[in-house]
Amino acid sequence: MNNKSEILRKLIKQKGAHIAPTIYDCIGAIAAQKTGFDYAFTSGFGISASQLGKPDYGYLSGSEVIATISRLNSCTNLPIIADIDTGYGNPLNVIDTVEKIINTGAAGIILEDQEWPKRCGHFEGKTVITKAEQVQKIKAAKLAAKDSGLVIIARTDARAKLGLSEAINRGDAYLEAGADVLFIEAPESRQELQEIANYFKGVVLMANIIKGGKTPNLNAKELEDMGYKLIVFALSNLLAVSKTMLDTMAEIKTGTNSKINNDFAFVDFQEFINIKKYQNLEKEFISSGKSYKHDVT
């Protein structure tokens, strides 16, 4: 079993809810670990925005997501749950995607039932594939996971178009197909959140909170009391960083950086990025003063 998957499975079995941030680059992955989180989710929304400069409208390819997950796993010890959208095709594509995701060291995946091209779960205009089609995708993911321990989170976006009853109905089917966690995206009221939790008592449930999104902005304690286990505040980092960057750019445009908040200085960032590790490596391998040249003979 993958070590990070094993850690995540043990975490899920512990009492209480477990909060996580979403990450979309290595700075976020390092920050999540330094802040003391136990695990993290990747944000397809954030990856699309930061790497492509485009909204979460299905522009990201599977290969781009896999490469990003690999980088994120390389710079943190935290178990990472990878957002793999729809699996990028039919069940055979899902198998291929999951096998490659396992090789990155990811601890889990989120697999959703939207039609491709998908879009952010809190956007309008979502459509979903049939329940039967998604059941086959989940079974394919389970087959590809083998003995890796990969945690499979089944996400349904059916609430938007087909109503809460159909979303709950799909949840039953996806759990029966082998999903470890259920994620009903974008409930539109506190009552709907409670109804989901009441119906799926004993099931590991995920809740996704986006400030300004379709789901009420409840705190973790409120969600835990309802029965939710995995709680993610999906876009908080992305929105905060984007606003800070805009403010900083505006200050630089005036011709100075003197008014920029200096609470996090150059020396602080060097510590954040663990510069001493690389300085020590440099001393070990380069301090002899020798010039290393490629042997072209």
Protein backbone atom coordinates (compact mmCIF):
# COMPACT_ATOMS: atom_id res chain seq x y z
CA MET A 1 0.00 0.00 0.00
CA ASN A 2 1.16 3.51 -0.82
CA ASN A 3 2.43 5.08 2.42
CA LYS A 4 0.52 8.33 1.92
CA SER A 5 -2.68 6.45 1.10
CA GLU A 6 -2.24 4.46 4.30
CA ILE A 7 -1.83 7.68 6.29
CA LEU A 8 -4.96 9.13 4.70
CA ARG A 9 -7.00 5.99 5.40
CA LYS A 10 -5.96 6.06 9.05
CA LEU A 11 -6.89 9.73 9.22
CA ILE A 12 -10.35 9.06 7.83
CA LYS A 13 -10.94 6.42 10.49
CA GLN A 14 -10.13 8.84 13.32
CA LYS A 15 -12.92 10.60 15.16
CA GLY A 16 -13.99 14.08 14.15
CA ALA A 17 -13.73 16.10 10.97
CA HIS A 18 -10.49 16.85 9.18
CA ILE A 19 -9.97 20.22 7.52
CA ALA A 20 -7.80 20.71 4.44
CA PRO A 21 -6.81 23.53 2.11
CA THR A 22 -6.62 23.20 -1.64
CA ILE A 23 -3.26 23.65 -3.31
CA TYR A 24 -2.30 24.29 -6.91
CA ASP A 25 1.47 24.89 -6.80
CA CYS A 26 4.51 23.88 -4.75
CA ILE A 27 4.44 27.02 -2.62
CA GLY A 28 0.95 26.06 -1.50
CA ALA A 29 2.03 22.48 -0.84
CA ILE A 30 4.92 23.64 1.35
CA ALA A 31 2.69 26.15 3.14
CA ALA A 32 0.09 23.48 3.91
CA GLN A 33 2.72 21.30 5.53
CA LYS A 34 4.32 24.16 7.47
CA THR A 35 0.91 25.28 8.73
CA GLY A 36 0.29 21.85 10.22
CA PHE A 37 -2.43 20.36 8.03
CA ASP A 38 -2.69 16.58 7.92
CA TYR A 39 -3.51 16.36 4.23
CA ALA A 40 -4.39 18.55 1.24
CA PHE A 41 -6.56 18.58 -1.88
CA THR A 42 -5.48 19.78 -5.27
CA SER A 43 -7.63 22.41 -6.94
CA GLY A 44 -8.43 21.91 -10.60
CA PHE A 45 -9.82 25.44 -10.54
CA GLY A 46 -6.53 26.75 -9.14
CA ILE A 47 -4.33 24.72 -11.49
CA SER A 48 -6.31 25.91 -14.51
CA ALA A 49 -6.13 29.53 -13.36
CA SER A 50 -2.46 29.54 -12.34
CA GLN A 51 -1.02 27.48 -15.20
CA LEU A 52 -3.33 28.32 -18.09
CA GLY A 53 -4.87 31.63 -17.04
CA LYS A 54 -8.27 30.15 -17.83
CA PRO A 55 -11.40 29.29 -15.84
CA ASP A 56 -12.26 25.77 -14.76
CA TYR A 57 -14.01 24.95 -18.04
CA GLY A 58 -12.29 21.68 -18.94
CA TYR A 59 -9.19 23.23 -20.49
CA LEU A 60 -6.79 21.15 -18.38
CA SER A 61 -5.65 17.89 -19.94
CA GLY A 62 -5.00 14.73 -18.01
CA SER A 63 -1.26 14.93 -18.70
CA GLU A 64 -1.11 18.49 -17.33
CA VAL A 65 -2.90 17.44 -14.15
CA ILE A 66 -0.72 14.36 -13.67
CA ALA A 67 2.47 16.42 -14.08
CA THR A 68 1.22 18.95 -11.53
CA ILE A 69 0.28 16.27 -9.00
CA SER A 70 3.74 14.76 -9.39
CA ARG A 71 5.41 18.10 -8.62
CA LEU A 72 3.17 18.73 -5.62
CA ASN A 73 3.87 15.31 -4.14
CA SER A 74 7.61 15.83 -4.57
CA CYS A 75 7.68 18.89 -2.30
CA THR A 76 5.51 17.83 0.64
CA ASN A 77 5.15 14.85 2.94
CA LEU A 78 1.40 15.42 3.23
CA PRO A 79 -1.05 12.96 1.69
CA ILE A 80 -2.55 14.68 -1.36
CA ILE A 81 -5.99 14.02 -2.80
CA ALA A 82 -5.83 14.68 -6.52
CA ASP A 83 -8.71 16.26 -8.41
CA ILE A 84 -8.80 14.24 -11.65
CA ASP A 85 -12.02 15.79 -12.96
CA THR A 86 -13.95 13.17 -14.98
CA GLY A 87 -10.97 10.86 -15.48
CA TYR A 88 -10.51 12.34 -19.00
CA GLY A 89 -12.65 9.94 -20.96
CA ASN A 90 -14.32 6.55 -20.67
CA PRO A 91 -13.54 3.80 -18.11
CA LEU A 92 -10.41 2.80 -20.04
CA ASN A 93 -9.14 6.37 -19.82
CA VAL A 94 -9.96 6.37 -16.11
CA ILE A 95 -7.82 3.26 -15.63
CA ASP A 96 -4.91 4.90 -17.42
CA THR A 97 -5.29 8.15 -15.46
CA VAL A 98 -5.54 6.40 -12.10
CA GLU A 99 -2.48 4.23 -12.78
CA LYS A 100 -0.47 7.33 -13.62
CA ILE A 101 -1.80 9.23 -10.61
CA ILE A 102 -0.75 6.38 -8.32
CA ASN A 103 2.78 6.66 -9.72
CA THR A 104 2.89 10.31 -8.61
CA GLY A 105 2.45 9.23 -4.98
CA ALA A 106 -1.02 10.73 -4.55
CA ALA A 107 -3.03 9.38 -1.63
CA GLY A 108 -6.48 9.73 -3.18
CA ILE A 109 -8.53 11.01 -6.09
CA ILE A 110 -11.78 12.87 -6.71
CA LEU A 111 -13.70 11.47 -9.69
CA GLU A 112 -16.78 13.38 -10.82
CA ASP A 113 -19.78 12.58 -13.00
CA GLN A 114 -19.93 15.67 -15.18
CA GLU A 115 -19.99 15.53 -18.95
CA TRP A 116 -16.82 16.75 -20.65
CA PRO A 117 -15.88 19.54 -20.92
CA LYS A 118 -16.58 19.87 -17.22
CA ARG A 119 -16.69 23.12 -15.26
CA CYS A 120 -16.36 24.35 -11.71
CA GLY A 121 -19.01 22.82 -9.48
CA HIS A 122 -20.26 26.26 -8.46
CA PHE A 123 -20.65 27.52 -12.05
CA GLU A 124 -23.88 27.43 -14.01
CA GLY A 125 -24.40 25.18 -17.01
CA LYS A 126 -23.15 21.85 -15.65
CA THR A 127 -24.36 18.61 -17.21
CA VAL A 128 -23.81 15.05 -15.98
CA ILE A 129 -23.39 11.64 -17.56
CA THR A 130 -25.76 8.82 -16.64
CA LYS A 131 -25.51 7.14 -13.27
CA ALA A 132 -24.68 3.84 -14.97
CA GLU A 133 -21.77 5.40 -16.86
CA GLN A 134 -20.28 6.86 -13.69
CA VAL A 135 -20.68 3.57 -11.84
CA GLN A 136 -18.50 1.97 -14.51
CA LYS A 137 -15.90 4.72 -14.10
CA ILE A 138 -15.74 4.17 -10.35
CA LYS A 139 -15.37 0.42 -10.84
CA ALA A 140 -12.59 1.13 -13.33
CA ALA A 141 -10.82 3.39 -10.83
CA LYS A 142 -11.16 0.69 -8.16
CA LEU A 143 -9.67 -1.88 -10.53
CA ALA A 144 -6.75 0.41 -11.40
CA ALA A 145 -6.07 1.18 -7.73
CA LYS A 146 -5.25 -2.50 -7.05
CA ASP A 147 -3.46 -2.76 -3.70
CA SER A 148 -2.21 0.85 -3.64
CA GLY A 149 -4.76 1.88 -1.02
CA LEU A 150 -5.75 4.87 -3.15
CA VAL A 151 -8.75 6.60 -1.55
CA ILE A 152 -11.52 7.10 -4.12
CA ILE A 153 -13.82 10.06 -3.60
CA ALA A 154 -16.93 9.90 -5.77
CA ARG A 155 -18.27 13.34 -6.63
CA THR A 156 -21.67 13.99 -8.12
CA ASP A 157 -22.75 17.28 -9.65
CA ALA A 158 -26.31 16.06 -10.21
CA ARG A 159 -27.82 18.47 -7.67
CA ALA A 160 -27.66 21.41 -10.09
CA LYS A 161 -29.67 19.91 -12.96
CA LEU A 162 -31.46 16.89 -11.56
CA GLY A 163 -32.12 17.88 -7.94
CA LEU A 164 -30.98 16.70 -4.54
CA SER A 165 -32.94 13.43 -4.62
CA GLU A 166 -31.11 12.29 -7.73
CA ALA A 167 -27.77 13.36 -6.24
CA ILE A 168 -28.50 11.21 -3.18
CA ASN A 169 -29.62 8.33 -5.40
CA ARG A 170 -26.34 8.54 -7.29
CA GLY A 171 -24.43 8.67 -4.03
CA ASP A 172 -25.86 5.30 -3.06
CA ALA A 173 -24.85 3.80 -6.40
CA TYR A 174 -21.34 5.25 -6.32
CA LEU A 175 -20.67 3.93 -2.83
CA GLU A 176 -21.94 0.50 -3.86
CA ALA A 177 -19.56 0.64 -6.84
CA GLY A 178 -16.60 0.95 -4.48
CA ALA A 179 -16.09 4.61 -3.61
CA ASP A 180 -14.56 5.23 -0.18
CA VAL A 181 -15.90 8.77 0.25
CA LEU A 182 -18.96 10.57 -1.09
CA PHE A 183 -18.90 14.19 -2.23
CA ILE A 184 -22.21 15.74 -3.29
CA GLU A 185 -21.13 19.03 -4.82
CA ALA A 186 -22.85 22.37 -4.30
CA PRO A 187 -25.82 21.78 -1.96
CA GLU A 188 -27.68 25.07 -1.91
CA SER A 189 -28.82 25.39 1.72
CA ARG A 190 -28.06 24.34 5.26
CA GLN A 191 -31.13 22.11 5.06
CA GLU A 192 -29.75 20.28 2.02
CA LEU A 193 -26.39 19.74 3.71
CA GLN A 194 -28.18 18.29 6.73
CA GLU A 195 -30.42 16.10 4.58
CA ILE A 196 -27.37 14.57 2.89
CA ALA A 197 -25.67 13.92 6.21
CA ASN A 198 -28.82 12.41 7.73
CA TYR A 199 -29.30 10.04 4.81
CA PHE A 200 -25.66 8.89 4.66
CA LYS A 201 -25.03 8.30 8.35
CA GLY A 202 -21.87 6.26 8.83
CA VAL A 203 -20.54 7.21 5.39
CA VAL A 204 -17.39 9.31 5.02
CA LEU A 205 -18.73 12.55 3.56
CA MET A 206 -16.86 15.47 2.04
CA ALA A 207 -18.03 19.09 2.07
CA ASN A 208 -16.62 21.82 -0.15
CA ILE A 209 -16.99 25.43 0.99
CA ILE A 210 -16.38 28.33 -1.39
CA LYS A 211 -16.99 31.79 -0.01
CA GLY A 212 -19.47 33.32 -2.44
CA GLY A 213 -20.34 29.93 -3.96
CA LYS A 214 -23.62 28.04 -4.03
CA THR A 215 -23.16 26.28 -0.68
CA PRO A 216 -23.68 28.25 2.56
CA ASN A 217 -20.43 29.45 4.09
CA LEU A 218 -20.58 27.24 7.18
CA ASN A 219 -17.60 26.67 9.42
CA ALA A 220 -15.96 23.31 10.05
CA LYS A 221 -17.59 22.80 13.45
CA GLU A 222 -21.07 23.25 11.96
CA LEU A 223 -20.30 20.75 9.21
CA GLU A 224 -18.73 18.28 11.62
CA ASP A 225 -21.82 18.43 13.84
CA MET A 226 -23.93 17.52 10.80
CA GLY A 227 -21.75 14.50 10.07
CA TYR A 228 -19.17 15.63 7.49
CA LYS A 229 -15.69 14.14 7.78
CA LEU A 230 -13.52 15.78 5.10
CA ILE A 231 -13.94 19.54 4.90
CA VAL A 232 -12.20 21.65 2.30
CA PHE A 233 -12.21 25.42 1.84
CA ALA A 234 -11.54 25.25 -1.85
CA LEU A 235 -10.62 28.67 -3.22
CA SER A 236 -9.62 30.65 -0.13
CA ASN A 237 -5.89 30.58 -0.93
CA LEU A 238 -6.31 31.32 -4.62
CA LEU A 239 -8.58 34.32 -4.00
CA ALA A 240 -6.37 35.75 -1.24
CA VAL A 241 -3.16 35.34 -3.24
CA SER A 242 -4.70 36.90 -6.35
CA LYS A 243 -5.88 39.97 -4.40
CA THR A 244 -2.51 40.36 -2.68
CA MET A 245 -0.73 40.11 -6.02
CA LEU A 246 -2.98 42.76 -7.59
CA ASP A 247 -2.35 45.11 -4.66
CA THR A 248 1.40 44.49 -4.85
CA MET A 249 1.50 45.06 -8.60
CA ALA A 250 -0.37 48.33 -8.15
CA GLU A 251 2.21 49.48 -5.61
CA ILE A 252 5.15 48.50 -7.84
CA LYS A 253 3.57 50.38 -10.73
CA THR A 254 3.93 53.60 -8.72
CA GLY A 255 7.69 53.10 -8.86
CA THR A 256 8.38 51.82 -5.34
CA ASN A 257 8.01 48.76 -3.15
CA SER A 258 8.47 50.63 0.12
CA LYS A 259 4.79 50.46 1.12
CA ILE A 260 4.41 46.76 0.45
CA ASN A 261 3.79 44.71 3.58
CA ASN A 262 7.22 43.53 4.76
CA ASP A 263 6.02 41.10 7.42
CA PHE A 264 7.27 38.32 5.17
CA ALA A 265 10.71 39.41 4.05
CA PHE A 266 13.30 37.95 1.67
CA VAL A 267 15.03 36.16 4.54
CA ASP A 268 11.71 34.66 5.65
CA PHE A 269 11.06 33.27 2.19
CA GLN A 270 14.52 31.71 2.09
CA GLU A 271 13.68 29.85 5.28
CA PHE A 272 10.27 28.93 3.87
CA ILE A 273 11.83 27.39 0.78
CA ASN A 274 14.44 25.58 2.94
CA ILE A 275 17.46 27.27 1.39
CA LYS A 276 19.80 25.71 4.00
CA LYS A 277 19.16 22.25 2.59
CA TYR A 278 20.47 23.31 -0.80
CA GLN A 279 23.33 25.34 0.66
CA ASN A 280 24.48 22.23 2.54
CA LEU A 281 24.25 20.15 -0.63
CA GLU A 282 26.23 22.79 -2.44
CA LYS A 283 28.95 22.69 0.22
CA GLU A 284 29.09 18.90 0.11
CA PHE A 285 29.46 18.55 -3.64
CA ILE A 286 30.97 21.80 -4.90
CA SER A 287 33.07 23.22 -2.05
CA SER A 288 36.16 21.33 -3.23
CA GLY A 289 36.53 23.97 -5.91
CA LYS A 290 36.83 21.41 -8.67
CA SER A 291 35.38 22.21 -12.06
CA TYR A 292 33.06 19.47 -13.21
CA LYS A 293 33.09 19.09 -16.97
CA HIS A 294 31.23 16.72 -19.24
CA ASP A 295 33.41 13.97 -20.68
CA VAL A 296 32.95 14.30 -24.42
CA THR A 297 35.49 11.65 -25.39
